[in-house]
Amino acid sequence: MKKVSAYKYVDEAISALDNGGRFYNVLTKANDGIISQAELGKVGGVFSDKQKMILFLEMAMFNLNDSQKKMVFSKLESKLQNTYKKFRPSKMLPFEANNRAKLTESAIITGVAKWITSKTDFNGFIMIPIVAGKVTTFTMVPLIDAYDVYEMRDHSTSEVFLIAHARSKEKLPEAKIQVAGIFKELKTSKDEDFDSKLFLEALYYSDISKS
């Protein structure tokens, strides 16, 4: 998971995004007034996943006002503008995510994350693909075995929403943060007939406790 430091100024954002892409992107040029998918992918640390690119862009523009965001949008190449419209994430508080979350959609959730450290305090399973030759099968594994899992909450309500990111030594701070990710399915039992709910697979975060 990547920490995003939001741009403070629109000129800073455009300069960072209009970067020419990686060395093999011979058709893109830095500072040409057009922000391409390759250039956005470079600064967001993404190669081809368009949904992740748009999540990064929205997080990076957090400090910009609406008119400044429109300036950045106007610099996006036409295909990237369409991609932005398709994958632009919803912004929610944890209690809203409980009511509005939709599988595979993007979202940015604001709140305070509390790391779940005990397996006895949490029960939930995800489908993991296993590839053997040309055959792909799926197995159910506990979410907490594959991810660092958190309860995300805000001060206005006692409701929480689950977020998780790939296991890492670095944990999310227990402070006001924004987490950007994609909603995934969580099973309440290894039995596929049991109920399921959603959690947010976190890809980016920003510490906004001092904003």
C-alpha atoms as a PDB file:
ATOM      1  CA  MET A   1       0.000   0.000   0.000  1.00  0.00           C
ATOM      2  CA  LYS A   2       1.294   3.431  -0.921  1.00  0.00           C
ATOM      3  CA  LYS A   3       1.083   6.623   1.126  1.00  0.00           C
ATOM      4  CA  VAL A   4      -0.023   9.581  -0.991  1.00  0.00           C
ATOM      5  CA  SER A   5       1.083  13.138  -0.269  1.00  0.00           C
ATOM      6  CA  ALA A   6      -1.560  15.337  -1.871  1.00  0.00           C
ATOM      7  CA  TYR A   7      -0.461  18.203  -4.087  1.00  0.00           C
ATOM      8  CA  LYS A   8      -0.818  21.622  -2.472  1.00  0.00           C
ATOM      9  CA  TYR A   9      -0.901  23.654  -5.683  1.00  0.00           C
ATOM     10  CA  VAL A  10      -2.380  23.044  -9.115  1.00  0.00           C
ATOM     11  CA  ASP A  11       0.889  23.952 -10.882  1.00  0.00           C
ATOM     12  CA  GLU A  12       2.691  21.416  -8.728  1.00  0.00           C
ATOM     13  CA  ALA A  13       0.129  18.752  -9.664  1.00  0.00           C
ATOM     14  CA  ILE A  14       0.314  19.402 -13.402  1.00  0.00           C
ATOM     15  CA  SER A  15       4.118  19.493 -13.385  1.00  0.00           C
ATOM     16  CA  ALA A  16       4.348  16.182 -11.504  1.00  0.00           C
ATOM     17  CA  LEU A  17       1.754  14.462 -13.684  1.00  0.00           C
ATOM     18  CA  ASP A  18       2.997  15.728 -17.069  1.00  0.00           C
ATOM     19  CA  ASN A  19       6.263  13.837 -16.608  1.00  0.00           C
ATOM     20  CA  GLY A  20       6.925  12.002 -19.883  1.00  0.00           C
ATOM     21  CA  GLY A  21       6.220   8.548 -18.475  1.00  0.00           C
ATOM     22  CA  ARG A  22       8.779   5.774 -18.068  1.00  0.00           C
ATOM     23  CA  PHE A  23      11.882   5.574 -20.278  1.00  0.00           C
ATOM     24  CA  TYR A  24      10.214   3.191 -22.743  1.00  0.00           C
ATOM     25  CA  ASN A  25       7.173   5.458 -23.301  1.00  0.00           C
ATOM     26  CA  VAL A  26       8.683   7.014 -26.411  1.00  0.00           C
ATOM     27  CA  LEU A  27       5.411   8.592 -27.563  1.00  0.00           C
ATOM     28  CA  THR A  28       4.932  10.726 -24.454  1.00  0.00           C
ATOM     29  CA  LYS A  29       6.815  13.928 -23.683  1.00  0.00           C
ATOM     30  CA  ALA A  30       7.211  15.792 -20.420  1.00  0.00           C
ATOM     31  CA  ASN A  31       5.644  19.250 -20.093  1.00  0.00           C
ATOM     32  CA  ASP A  32       3.735  19.021 -23.384  1.00  0.00           C
ATOM     33  CA  GLY A  33       0.440  20.068 -21.788  1.00  0.00           C
ATOM     34  CA  ILE A  34      -1.107  16.587 -22.052  1.00  0.00           C
ATOM     35  CA  ILE A  35      -1.209  14.057 -19.218  1.00  0.00           C
ATOM     36  CA  SER A  36      -1.271  10.513 -20.597  1.00  0.00           C
ATOM     37  CA  GLN A  37      -2.137   7.211 -18.958  1.00  0.00           C
ATOM     38  CA  ALA A  38       1.555   6.273 -18.984  1.00  0.00           C
ATOM     39  CA  GLU A  39       2.464   9.464 -17.125  1.00  0.00           C
ATOM     40  CA  LEU A  40      -0.249   9.009 -14.507  1.00  0.00           C
ATOM     41  CA  GLY A  41       0.786   5.371 -14.096  1.00  0.00           C
ATOM     42  CA  LYS A  42       4.400   6.377 -13.461  1.00  0.00           C
ATOM     43  CA  VAL A  43       3.677   8.788 -10.622  1.00  0.00           C
ATOM     44  CA  GLY A  44       1.013   6.473  -9.148  1.00  0.00           C
ATOM     45  CA  GLY A  45       3.318   3.450  -9.211  1.00  0.00           C
ATOM     46  CA  VAL A  46       0.928   1.532 -11.494  1.00  0.00           C
ATOM     47  CA  PHE A  47       1.639  -0.079 -14.864  1.00  0.00           C
ATOM     48  CA  SER A  48      -1.708  -0.908 -16.451  1.00  0.00           C
ATOM     49  CA  ASP A  49      -4.514  -0.965 -13.859  1.00  0.00           C
ATOM     50  CA  LYS A  50      -6.684   2.013 -14.830  1.00  0.00           C
ATOM     51  CA  GLN A  51      -8.913   1.762 -11.769  1.00  0.00           C
ATOM     52  CA  LYS A  52      -5.894   2.084  -9.454  1.00  0.00           C
ATOM     53  CA  MET A  53      -4.561   5.024 -11.474  1.00  0.00           C
ATOM     54  CA  ILE A  54      -7.768   6.985 -10.971  1.00  0.00           C
ATOM     55  CA  LEU A  55      -7.767   6.170  -7.253  1.00  0.00           C
ATOM     56  CA  PHE A  56      -4.277   7.624  -6.979  1.00  0.00           C
ATOM     57  CA  LEU A  57      -5.216  10.728  -8.976  1.00  0.00           C
ATOM     58  CA  GLU A  58      -8.237  11.456  -6.787  1.00  0.00           C
ATOM     59  CA  MET A  59      -6.177  11.042  -3.618  1.00  0.00           C
ATOM     60  CA  ALA A  60      -3.385  13.245  -4.992  1.00  0.00           C
ATOM     61  CA  MET A  61      -5.868  16.059  -5.754  1.00  0.00           C
ATOM     62  CA  PHE A  62      -7.380  16.081  -2.252  1.00  0.00           C
ATOM     63  CA  ASN A  63      -6.083  19.580  -1.379  1.00  0.00           C
ATOM     64  CA  LEU A  64      -7.167  21.185  -4.665  1.00  0.00           C
ATOM     65  CA  ASN A  65     -10.466  23.044  -4.991  1.00  0.00           C
ATOM     66  CA  ASP A  66     -13.032  22.242  -7.680  1.00  0.00           C
ATOM     67  CA  SER A  67     -11.733  24.767 -10.212  1.00  0.00           C
ATOM     68  CA  GLN A  68      -8.168  23.506  -9.757  1.00  0.00           C
ATOM     69  CA  LYS A  69      -9.299  19.909 -10.217  1.00  0.00           C
ATOM     70  CA  LYS A  70     -11.009  20.951 -13.454  1.00  0.00           C
ATOM     71  CA  MET A  71      -7.703  22.418 -14.644  1.00  0.00           C
ATOM     72  CA  VAL A  72      -5.966  19.096 -14.030  1.00  0.00           C
ATOM     73  CA  PHE A  73      -8.815  17.216 -15.709  1.00  0.00           C
ATOM     74  CA  SER A  74      -8.538  19.442 -18.788  1.00  0.00           C
ATOM     75  CA  LYS A  75      -4.916  18.317 -19.193  1.00  0.00           C
ATOM     76  CA  LEU A  76      -5.796  14.612 -19.262  1.00  0.00           C
ATOM     77  CA  GLU A  77      -5.745  12.989 -22.703  1.00  0.00           C
ATOM     78  CA  SER A  78      -9.262  12.218 -23.942  1.00  0.00           C
ATOM     79  CA  LYS A  79      -9.052   8.467 -23.252  1.00  0.00           C
ATOM     80  CA  LEU A  80      -7.872   9.168 -19.722  1.00  0.00           C
ATOM     81  CA  GLN A  81     -10.747  11.602 -19.183  1.00  0.00           C
ATOM     82  CA  ASN A  82     -13.177   8.815 -20.065  1.00  0.00           C
ATOM     83  CA  THR A  83     -11.314   6.449 -17.734  1.00  0.00           C
ATOM     84  CA  TYR A  84     -11.597   9.018 -14.943  1.00  0.00           C
ATOM     85  CA  LYS A  85     -15.358   9.316 -15.448  1.00  0.00           C
ATOM     86  CA  LYS A  86     -15.718   5.518 -15.385  1.00  0.00           C
ATOM     87  CA  PHE A  87     -13.618   4.824 -12.293  1.00  0.00           C
ATOM     88  CA  ARG A  88     -13.918   8.000 -10.246  1.00  0.00           C
ATOM     89  CA  PRO A  89     -14.285   6.762  -6.642  1.00  0.00           C
ATOM     90  CA  SER A  90     -17.158   7.549  -4.317  1.00  0.00           C
ATOM     91  CA  LYS A  91     -16.257   9.339  -1.083  1.00  0.00           C
ATOM     92  CA  MET A  92     -17.774   7.906   2.077  1.00  0.00           C
ATOM     93  CA  LEU A  93     -17.684   7.724   5.832  1.00  0.00           C
ATOM     94  CA  PRO A  94     -17.628   4.206   7.340  1.00  0.00           C
ATOM     95  CA  PHE A  95     -21.364   4.142   8.103  1.00  0.00           C
ATOM     96  CA  GLU A  96     -22.113   5.216   4.524  1.00  0.00           C
ATOM     97  CA  ALA A  97     -19.938   2.426   3.163  1.00  0.00           C
ATOM     98  CA  ASN A  98     -22.082  -0.096   5.035  1.00  0.00           C
ATOM     99  CA  ASN A  99     -25.079   1.075   3.010  1.00  0.00           C
ATOM    100  CA  ARG A 100     -23.545   2.094  -0.327  1.00  0.00           C
ATOM    101  CA  ALA A 101     -20.633  -0.259  -0.978  1.00  0.00           C
ATOM    102  CA  LYS A 102     -20.834  -2.181  -4.261  1.00  0.00           C
ATOM    103  CA  LEU A 103     -18.614  -5.079  -5.255  1.00  0.00           C
ATOM    104  CA  THR A 104     -15.606  -4.118  -7.469  1.00  0.00           C
ATOM    105  CA  GLU A 105     -16.323  -0.373  -7.242  1.00  0.00           C
ATOM    106  CA  SER A 106     -13.789   2.195  -6.038  1.00  0.00           C
ATOM    107  CA  ALA A 107     -14.127   4.321  -2.920  1.00  0.00           C
ATOM    108  CA  ILE A 108     -12.284   6.659  -0.600  1.00  0.00           C
ATOM    109  CA  ILE A 109     -13.266   6.206   3.050  1.00  0.00           C
ATOM    110  CA  THR A 110     -12.403   8.753   5.745  1.00  0.00           C
ATOM    111  CA  GLY A 111     -12.077   7.798   9.386  1.00  0.00           C
ATOM    112  CA  VAL A 112      -9.797   6.358  12.053  1.00  0.00           C
ATOM    113  CA  ALA A 113      -8.430   2.860  11.487  1.00  0.00           C
ATOM    114  CA  LYS A 114      -7.948   0.419  14.368  1.00  0.00           C
ATOM    115  CA  TRP A 115      -5.789  -2.607  13.589  1.00  0.00           C
ATOM    116  CA  ILE A 116      -7.346  -5.979  14.479  1.00  0.00           C
ATOM    117  CA  THR A 117      -4.504  -7.937  16.098  1.00  0.00           C
ATOM    118  CA  SER A 118      -6.304 -11.032  17.378  1.00  0.00           C
ATOM    119  CA  LYS A 119      -7.629 -13.779  15.117  1.00  0.00           C
ATOM    120  CA  THR A 120     -10.172 -14.703  17.764  1.00  0.00           C
ATOM    121  CA  ASP A 121     -11.759 -11.235  17.390  1.00  0.00           C
ATOM    122  CA  PHE A 122     -12.347 -11.611  13.667  1.00  0.00           C
ATOM    123  CA  ASN A 123     -13.878 -14.180  11.354  1.00  0.00           C
ATOM    124  CA  GLY A 124     -14.055 -13.842   7.582  1.00  0.00           C
ATOM    125  CA  PHE A 125     -12.785 -15.593   4.462  1.00  0.00           C
ATOM    126  CA  ILE A 126     -11.749 -14.608   0.948  1.00  0.00           C
ATOM    127  CA  MET A 127     -11.308 -16.561  -2.269  1.00  0.00           C
ATOM    128  CA  ILE A 128      -7.662 -17.040  -3.309  1.00  0.00           C
ATOM    129  CA  PRO A 129      -6.869 -18.327  -6.836  1.00  0.00           C
ATOM    130  CA  ILE A 130      -4.478 -21.276  -7.176  1.00  0.00           C
ATOM    131  CA  VAL A 131      -2.973 -21.895 -10.619  1.00  0.00           C
ATOM    132  CA  ALA A 132      -1.733 -25.367 -11.528  1.00  0.00           C
ATOM    133  CA  GLY A 133      -0.654 -25.506 -15.150  1.00  0.00           C
ATOM    134  CA  LYS A 134      -3.607 -24.293 -17.200  1.00  0.00           C
ATOM    135  CA  VAL A 135      -6.125 -24.943 -14.435  1.00  0.00           C
ATOM    136  CA  THR A 136      -7.162 -22.262 -11.937  1.00  0.00           C
ATOM    137  CA  THR A 137      -9.027 -23.234  -8.794  1.00  0.00           C
ATOM    138  CA  PHE A 138     -10.032 -21.209  -5.748  1.00  0.00           C
ATOM    139  CA  THR A 139      -9.624 -21.871  -2.057  1.00  0.00           C
ATOM    140  CA  MET A 140     -11.051 -20.082   0.964  1.00  0.00           C
ATOM    141  CA  VAL A 141      -8.542 -18.590   3.402  1.00  0.00           C
ATOM    142  CA  PRO A 142      -9.071 -16.354   6.443  1.00  0.00           C
ATOM    143  CA  LEU A 143      -8.784 -12.689   5.471  1.00  0.00           C
ATOM    144  CA  ILE A 144      -6.626 -11.987   8.524  1.00  0.00           C
ATOM    145  CA  ASP A 145      -4.051 -14.566   7.339  1.00  0.00           C
ATOM    146  CA  ALA A 146      -3.524 -12.756   4.039  1.00  0.00           C
ATOM    147  CA  TYR A 147      -4.113  -9.114   4.995  1.00  0.00           C
ATOM    148  CA  ASP A 148      -3.683  -6.622   7.796  1.00  0.00           C
ATOM    149  CA  VAL A 149      -7.292  -5.933   8.791  1.00  0.00           C
ATOM    150  CA  TYR A 150      -8.716  -2.787  10.392  1.00  0.00           C
ATOM    151  CA  GLU A 151     -11.989  -1.421  11.661  1.00  0.00           C
ATOM    152  CA  MET A 152     -12.557   2.017  10.155  1.00  0.00           C
ATOM    153  CA  ARG A 153     -14.792   4.380  12.122  1.00  0.00           C
ATOM    154  CA  ASP A 154     -15.622   8.063  12.420  1.00  0.00           C
ATOM    155  CA  HIS A 155     -16.610  10.159  15.402  1.00  0.00           C
ATOM    156  CA  SER A 156     -20.214  10.753  14.333  1.00  0.00           C
ATOM    157  CA  THR A 157     -21.392   7.157  14.716  1.00  0.00           C
ATOM    158  CA  SER A 158     -20.368   3.890  16.331  1.00  0.00           C
ATOM    159  CA  GLU A 159     -20.590   1.985  13.028  1.00  0.00           C
ATOM    160  CA  VAL A 160     -17.420   0.506  11.560  1.00  0.00           C
ATOM    161  CA  PHE A 161     -16.403  -0.715   8.117  1.00  0.00           C
ATOM    162  CA  LEU A 162     -13.678  -3.256   7.432  1.00  0.00           C
ATOM    163  CA  ILE A 163     -10.631  -2.298   5.410  1.00  0.00           C
ATOM    164  CA  ALA A 164      -7.573  -4.433   4.689  1.00  0.00           C
ATOM    165  CA  HIS A 165      -4.244  -4.191   2.903  1.00  0.00           C
ATOM    166  CA  ALA A 166      -1.530  -6.671   1.959  1.00  0.00           C
ATOM    167  CA  ARG A 167       0.424  -7.688   5.051  1.00  0.00           C
ATOM    168  CA  SER A 168       3.276  -5.352   5.832  1.00  0.00           C
ATOM    169  CA  LYS A 169       5.519  -4.218   8.675  1.00  0.00           C
ATOM    170  CA  GLU A 170       4.085  -0.744   8.218  1.00  0.00           C
ATOM    171  CA  LYS A 171       0.625  -0.335   9.748  1.00  0.00           C
ATOM    172  CA  LEU A 172      -1.896   2.427   9.230  1.00  0.00           C
ATOM    173  CA  PRO A 173      -1.711   5.194  11.851  1.00  0.00           C
ATOM    174  CA  GLU A 174      -4.517   5.344  14.398  1.00  0.00           C
ATOM    175  CA  ALA A 175      -5.392   8.880  13.316  1.00  0.00           C
ATOM    176  CA  LYS A 176      -7.780  10.536  10.885  1.00  0.00           C
ATOM    177  CA  ILE A 177      -6.896   9.159   7.448  1.00  0.00           C
ATOM    178  CA  GLN A 178      -8.302   8.642   3.986  1.00  0.00           C
ATOM    179  CA  VAL A 179      -8.065   5.175   2.510  1.00  0.00           C
ATOM    180  CA  ALA A 180      -8.616   4.517  -1.199  1.00  0.00           C
ATOM    181  CA  GLY A 181      -9.368   1.074  -2.536  1.00  0.00           C
ATOM    182  CA  ILE A 182     -11.748  -1.371  -4.180  1.00  0.00           C
ATOM    183  CA  PHE A 183     -14.626  -3.234  -2.561  1.00  0.00           C
ATOM    184  CA  LYS A 184     -14.115  -6.999  -2.364  1.00  0.00           C
ATOM    185  CA  GLU A 185     -16.261  -9.857  -1.093  1.00  0.00           C
ATOM    186  CA  LEU A 186     -15.826 -11.314   2.387  1.00  0.00           C
ATOM    187  CA  LYS A 187     -17.425 -14.634   3.305  1.00  0.00           C
ATOM    188  CA  THR A 188     -18.575 -15.219   6.868  1.00  0.00           C
ATOM    189  CA  SER A 189     -17.809 -18.941   6.580  1.00  0.00           C
ATOM    190  CA  LYS A 190     -15.875 -21.369   4.366  1.00  0.00           C
ATOM    191  CA  ASP A 191     -19.273 -22.667   3.293  1.00  0.00           C
ATOM    192  CA  GLU A 192     -20.033 -20.847   0.031  1.00  0.00           C
ATOM    193  CA  ASP A 193     -23.743 -20.843   0.875  1.00  0.00           C
ATOM    194  CA  PHE A 194     -23.158 -18.608   3.885  1.00  0.00           C
ATOM    195  CA  ASP A 195     -23.756 -14.879   3.775  1.00  0.00           C
ATOM    196  CA  SER A 196     -21.126 -12.512   2.490  1.00  0.00           C
ATOM    197  CA  LYS A 197     -20.385  -8.844   3.004  1.00  0.00           C
ATOM    198  CA  LEU A 198     -17.892  -6.389   1.573  1.00  0.00           C
ATOM    199  CA  PHE A 199     -14.591  -4.962   2.731  1.00  0.00           C
ATOM    200  CA  LEU A 200     -12.345  -2.337   1.158  1.00  0.00           C
ATOM    201  CA  GLU A 201      -9.039  -3.613  -0.193  1.00  0.00           C
ATOM    202  CA  ALA A 202      -6.869  -0.573   0.565  1.00  0.00           C
ATOM    203  CA  LEU A 203      -4.349   0.532  -2.073  1.00  0.00           C
ATOM    204  CA  TYR A 204      -3.501   4.105  -1.063  1.00  0.00           C
ATOM    205  CA  TYR A 205      -3.839   6.176   2.084  1.00  0.00           C
ATOM    206  CA  SER A 206      -3.250   9.752   3.238  1.00  0.00           C
ATOM    207  CA  ASP A 207      -2.831  11.026   6.788  1.00  0.00           C
ATOM    208  CA  ILE A 208      -5.182  14.011   7.049  1.00  0.00           C
ATOM    209  CA  SER A 209      -5.131  14.333  10.833  1.00  0.00           C
ATOM    210  CA  LYS A 210      -3.405  17.719  10.552  1.00  0.00           C
ATOM    211  CA  SER A 211      -5.377  18.991   7.547  1.00  0.00           C
END
